[in-house]
Amino acid sequence: MSEYRRGVHTVHDIKYHFVWVTKYRYKVLRGEIAERARDIIRQICMAREITILKGYVSKDHVHLFGAPRCCACPDLTHTRRFRDERS
């Protein structure tokens, strides 16, 4: 059975499934670009204390299945979008 997290008045097991898709589903996530995307996602997850349970980088999208230490996953999507705009 999975490990549940406990709060003062709650018991929960929250997991999120994120999918990032390239614009117009262009198949650009190959080679060094795919490795760089994977590294950036790992860095963001470590900084936000999100455990990556499963994930992969495809040619036109990225899947991430993770469990946050706290419930701040909307911050993850904002951070990812912000990094894209700066690059």
Protein backbone atom coordinates (compact mmCIF):
# COMPACT_ATOMS: atom_id res chain seq x y z
CA MET A 1 0.00 0.00 0.00
CA SER A 2 1.26 3.49 -0.75
CA GLU A 3 2.69 5.75 1.87
CA TYR A 4 0.15 8.34 3.00
CA ARG A 5 1.04 11.83 4.14
CA ARG A 6 -0.60 13.12 7.26
CA GLY A 7 -1.58 16.63 8.25
CA VAL A 8 -3.15 17.83 11.49
CA HIS A 9 -6.66 16.95 10.31
CA THR A 10 -5.99 15.13 7.03
CA VAL A 11 -4.55 11.99 5.48
CA HIS A 12 -3.72 12.23 1.79
CA ASP A 13 -1.83 10.71 -1.10
CA ILE A 14 -1.61 13.36 -3.84
CA LYS A 15 0.05 12.67 -7.16
CA TYR A 16 0.05 14.88 -10.24
CA HIS A 17 0.35 14.06 -13.93
CA PHE A 18 1.80 16.89 -16.01
CA VAL A 19 2.07 16.91 -19.79
CA TRP A 20 3.96 19.65 -21.59
CA VAL A 21 3.43 19.80 -25.35
CA THR A 22 5.50 21.68 -27.91
CA LYS A 23 3.82 24.35 -29.95
CA TYR A 24 1.93 22.82 -32.89
CA ARG A 25 3.24 19.43 -31.67
CA TYR A 26 6.49 19.97 -33.57
CA LYS A 27 8.86 17.04 -33.03
CA VAL A 28 11.82 19.02 -31.68
CA LEU A 29 12.60 17.21 -28.43
CA ARG A 30 15.48 15.08 -29.68
CA GLY A 31 19.11 14.63 -28.73
CA GLU A 32 20.63 17.45 -26.72
CA ILE A 33 17.34 19.37 -26.54
CA ALA A 34 15.57 16.40 -24.95
CA GLU A 35 18.41 15.92 -22.46
CA ARG A 36 18.37 19.62 -21.57
CA ALA A 37 14.58 19.57 -21.07
CA ARG A 38 14.92 16.53 -18.80
CA ASP A 39 17.67 18.21 -16.77
CA ILE A 40 15.66 21.42 -16.35
CA ILE A 41 12.60 19.48 -15.19
CA ARG A 42 14.72 17.54 -12.68
CA GLN A 43 16.22 20.78 -11.33
CA ILE A 44 12.80 22.38 -10.93
CA CYS A 45 11.40 19.29 -9.20
CA MET A 46 14.33 19.16 -6.79
CA ALA A 47 13.94 22.87 -5.99
CA ARG A 48 10.18 22.44 -5.40
CA GLU A 49 10.63 19.18 -3.44
CA ILE A 50 8.64 17.09 -5.90
CA THR A 51 9.46 13.40 -6.15
CA ILE A 52 9.44 12.20 -9.74
CA LEU A 53 7.69 8.83 -9.76
CA LYS A 54 7.72 8.39 -13.52
CA GLY A 55 8.42 10.52 -16.54
CA TYR A 56 9.76 10.58 -20.04
CA VAL A 57 10.58 12.96 -22.86
CA SER A 58 8.97 12.11 -26.19
CA LYS A 59 9.60 13.86 -29.54
CA ASP A 60 6.75 16.34 -29.10
CA HIS A 61 5.75 16.19 -25.42
CA VAL A 62 6.99 15.51 -21.90
CA HIS A 63 5.18 13.40 -19.29
CA LEU A 64 5.82 13.81 -15.59
CA PHE A 65 4.09 11.85 -12.84
CA GLY A 66 5.11 13.15 -9.45
CA ALA A 67 4.27 13.49 -5.80
CA PRO A 68 4.81 16.86 -4.13
CA ARG A 69 6.07 17.14 -0.59
CA CYS A 70 3.62 19.99 -0.13
CA CYS A 71 0.64 20.98 -2.30
CA ALA A 72 2.32 23.58 -4.50
CA CYS A 73 2.13 22.01 -7.96
CA PRO A 74 0.52 25.01 -9.67
CA ASP A 75 3.81 26.74 -8.88
CA LEU A 76 5.61 24.08 -10.90
CA THR A 77 3.70 24.86 -14.10
CA HIS A 78 4.23 28.59 -13.57
CA THR A 79 7.96 28.07 -13.03
CA ARG A 80 8.26 25.96 -16.17
CA ARG A 81 6.38 28.51 -18.25
CA PHE A 82 8.50 31.34 -16.83
CA ARG A 83 11.74 29.55 -17.71
CA ASP A 84 10.49 28.99 -21.28
CA GLU A 85 9.75 32.67 -21.74
CA ARG A 86 13.20 33.70 -20.51
CA SER A 87 15.10 31.29 -22.78
